[in-house]
């Protein structure tokens, strides 16, 4: 997105209050996830990588994520 203001002849369309609230909530969730990710990276930078025994194999992470996605989607008959 451009950091420049819109020209004066192009008025910006205002959002409905509910849509603006939803967008703010999405921004807050995204910011929270980014902060968590940054904290993990800072921990790795300060302390090094964790030992293999302390890590979860990616296959387990993948299966858990796929199970969450399947639970969110209604079954198709």
Protein backbone atom coordinates (compact mmCIF):
# COMPACT_ATOMS: atom_id res chain seq x y z
CA UNK A 1 0.00 0.00 0.00
CA UNK A 2 1.09 3.49 -0.70
CA UNK A 3 2.06 5.80 2.14
CA UNK A 4 1.01 8.82 0.10
CA UNK A 5 -2.34 10.44 0.86
CA UNK A 6 -5.13 10.00 -1.65
CA UNK A 7 -5.65 12.93 -4.03
CA UNK A 8 -8.25 15.45 -2.83
CA UNK A 9 -10.69 14.57 -5.65
CA UNK A 10 -10.88 10.93 -4.53
CA UNK A 11 -12.83 10.69 -1.29
CA UNK A 12 -12.29 7.57 0.77
CA UNK A 13 -15.28 5.33 1.33
CA UNK A 14 -16.01 4.92 5.02
CA UNK A 15 -16.68 1.45 6.41
CA UNK A 16 -19.76 0.46 8.32
CA UNK A 17 -19.06 0.49 12.09
CA UNK A 18 -19.35 -3.31 12.34
CA UNK A 19 -16.93 -3.79 9.43
CA UNK A 20 -14.46 -1.32 10.96
CA UNK A 21 -14.68 -3.15 14.31
CA UNK A 22 -14.06 -6.47 12.58
CA UNK A 23 -11.07 -5.05 10.76
CA UNK A 24 -9.63 -3.68 14.01
CA UNK A 25 -10.10 -7.07 15.68
CA UNK A 26 -8.33 -8.79 12.78
CA UNK A 27 -5.47 -6.29 13.04
CA UNK A 28 -5.17 -6.94 16.78
CA UNK A 29 -5.04 -10.74 16.26
CA UNK A 30 -2.45 -10.34 13.51
CA UNK A 31 -0.36 -8.02 15.70
CA UNK A 32 -0.55 -10.51 18.59
CA UNK A 33 0.66 -13.39 16.39
CA UNK A 34 3.48 -11.22 15.01
CA UNK A 35 4.54 -10.30 18.55
CA UNK A 36 4.59 -13.98 19.56
CA UNK A 37 6.65 -14.86 16.51
CA UNK A 38 9.08 -12.01 17.22
CA UNK A 39 9.46 -13.22 20.81
CA UNK A 40 10.37 -16.72 19.59
CA UNK A 41 12.95 -15.31 17.18
CA UNK A 42 14.44 -13.13 19.93
CA UNK A 43 14.66 -16.17 22.23
CA UNK A 44 16.48 -18.16 19.54
CA UNK A 45 18.85 -15.25 18.95
CA UNK A 46 19.59 -14.93 22.67
CA UNK A 47 19.72 -18.62 23.62
CA UNK A 48 20.32 -20.57 20.42
CA UNK A 49 18.17 -23.30 18.94
CA UNK A 50 16.37 -25.70 21.31
CA UNK A 51 17.50 -29.28 21.51
CA UNK A 52 15.87 -31.80 19.21
CA UNK A 53 14.31 -33.56 22.22
CA UNK A 54 12.45 -30.35 23.13
CA UNK A 55 10.96 -29.91 19.65
CA UNK A 56 7.76 -31.29 18.14
CA UNK A 57 8.26 -33.15 14.84
CA UNK A 58 6.77 -31.26 11.89
CA UNK A 59 4.63 -34.28 10.99
CA UNK A 60 2.79 -34.00 14.32
CA UNK A 61 2.32 -30.27 13.83
CA UNK A 62 0.98 -30.86 10.31
CA UNK A 63 -1.48 -33.52 11.44
CA UNK A 64 -2.74 -31.35 14.31
CA UNK A 65 -3.23 -28.41 11.95
CA UNK A 66 -5.06 -30.57 9.40
CA UNK A 67 -7.32 -31.90 12.16
CA UNK A 68 -8.14 -28.31 13.22
CA UNK A 69 -8.96 -27.39 9.63
CA UNK A 70 -11.14 -30.48 9.19
CA UNK A 71 -13.04 -29.66 12.38
CA UNK A 72 -13.79 -26.15 11.08
CA UNK A 73 -15.14 -27.35 7.74
CA UNK A 74 -18.56 -29.03 7.61
CA UNK A 75 -18.62 -32.56 6.26
CA UNK A 76 -19.56 -32.87 2.60
CA UNK A 77 -21.88 -35.75 1.79
